Amino acid sequence: MSLRNLTKVPKRSLVYFSIDQSTCIVDTKKLRMKDSGEPFTNSAAQKNAEVMIKFGTKELDAIVIASDGEWNFFIYILFSMVFNVL
């Protein structure tokens, strides 16, 4: 495995909002870890991580479903486009 693959930061993440039970694709740089407040890109990208997204003046809680570069991320996007669920 190359050094580039080890240090690669995902550009986008698929997140789930429990408040309204919806999903959204968000730039990873906008995500912050819920417990520590540090940027999500500084930590190892992981599934089911609890994050916060600052939207205007509100901070929304979300859960990371997948990150860019994972197969299930692309399958979900393809499924959403075909069946128009996104």
Protein backbone atom coordinates (compact mmCIF):
# COMPACT_ATOMS: atom_id res chain seq x y z
CA MET A 1 0.00 0.00 0.00
CA SER A 2 1.37 3.39 -0.94
CA LEU A 3 1.92 6.30 1.43
CA ARG A 4 -0.63 8.36 -0.49
CA ASN A 5 -3.38 5.84 0.22
CA LEU A 6 -2.52 5.82 3.91
CA THR A 7 -2.72 9.61 4.23
CA LYS A 8 -5.61 10.18 1.85
CA VAL A 9 -8.48 12.17 3.36
CA PRO A 10 -11.97 11.52 1.98
CA LYS A 11 -13.52 14.55 0.26
CA ARG A 12 -17.15 13.67 0.94
CA SER A 13 -19.06 11.63 3.47
CA LEU A 14 -22.55 10.21 3.56
CA VAL A 15 -24.19 11.14 6.85
CA TYR A 16 -27.48 10.27 8.55
CA PHE A 17 -29.48 12.84 10.51
CA SER A 18 -31.56 11.18 13.22
CA ILE A 19 -33.56 14.36 13.89
CA ASP A 20 -35.47 14.04 10.61
CA GLN A 21 -34.31 10.55 9.53
CA SER A 22 -32.64 11.73 6.33
CA THR A 23 -29.28 11.25 4.64
CA CYS A 24 -27.04 13.75 2.92
CA ILE A 25 -23.66 13.93 1.23
CA VAL A 26 -21.46 16.49 2.99
CA ASP A 27 -17.93 17.77 2.42
CA THR A 28 -15.80 15.97 5.00
CA LYS A 29 -14.04 19.21 5.98
CA LYS A 30 -17.36 20.47 7.44
CA LEU A 31 -17.60 17.57 9.89
CA ARG A 32 -16.38 17.75 13.50
CA MET A 33 -16.16 14.93 16.02
CA LYS A 34 -19.03 15.19 18.48
CA ASP A 35 -17.09 14.28 21.62
CA SER A 36 -13.83 16.20 21.06
CA GLY A 37 -14.80 18.93 18.58
CA GLU A 38 -11.73 18.31 16.40
CA PRO A 39 -12.15 18.10 12.62
CA PHE A 40 -13.24 14.71 11.33
CA THR A 41 -10.39 14.79 8.80
CA ASN A 42 -7.83 14.76 11.63
CA SER A 43 -9.13 11.47 12.99
CA ALA A 44 -9.13 8.15 11.20
CA ALA A 45 -12.19 8.05 8.96
CA GLN A 46 -14.58 5.56 10.49
CA LYS A 47 -18.11 4.38 9.97
CA ASN A 48 -20.78 5.08 12.59
CA ALA A 49 -18.79 7.99 13.99
CA GLU A 50 -20.92 10.60 15.73
CA VAL A 51 -20.20 14.02 14.23
CA MET A 52 -21.50 17.58 14.27
CA ILE A 53 -22.15 19.75 11.25
CA LYS A 54 -22.35 23.51 11.58
CA PHE A 55 -25.14 24.81 9.36
CA GLY A 56 -25.47 28.56 9.69
CA THR A 57 -25.87 29.16 13.41
CA LYS A 58 -27.13 25.63 14.17
CA GLU A 59 -25.03 22.60 15.02
CA LEU A 60 -26.61 19.39 13.76
CA ASP A 61 -25.79 15.92 15.08
CA ALA A 62 -25.20 13.21 12.50
CA ILE A 63 -23.72 9.74 12.05
CA VAL A 64 -21.23 8.92 9.28
CA ILE A 65 -22.52 6.05 7.13
CA ALA A 66 -19.69 5.98 4.59
CA SER A 67 -16.83 8.07 3.30
CA ASP A 68 -15.59 8.78 -0.20
CA GLY A 69 -13.64 5.85 -1.62
CA GLU A 70 -15.71 3.11 0.01
CA TRP A 71 -17.71 0.80 -2.21
CA ASN A 72 -20.92 1.10 -0.23
CA PHE A 73 -20.76 4.90 -0.70
CA PHE A 74 -20.81 4.54 -4.48
CA ILE A 75 -23.43 1.78 -4.39
CA TYR A 76 -25.71 3.97 -2.28
CA ILE A 77 -25.29 6.92 -4.66
CA LEU A 78 -26.00 4.71 -7.68
CA PHE A 79 -29.05 3.21 -5.98
CA SER A 80 -30.29 6.66 -5.04
CA MET A 81 -29.90 7.97 -8.59
CA VAL A 82 -31.63 4.96 -10.18
CA PHE A 83 -34.56 4.89 -7.76
CA ASN A 84 -34.61 8.66 -7.09
CA VAL A 85 -34.52 8.30 -3.29
CA LEU A 86 -31.86 10.87 -2.50
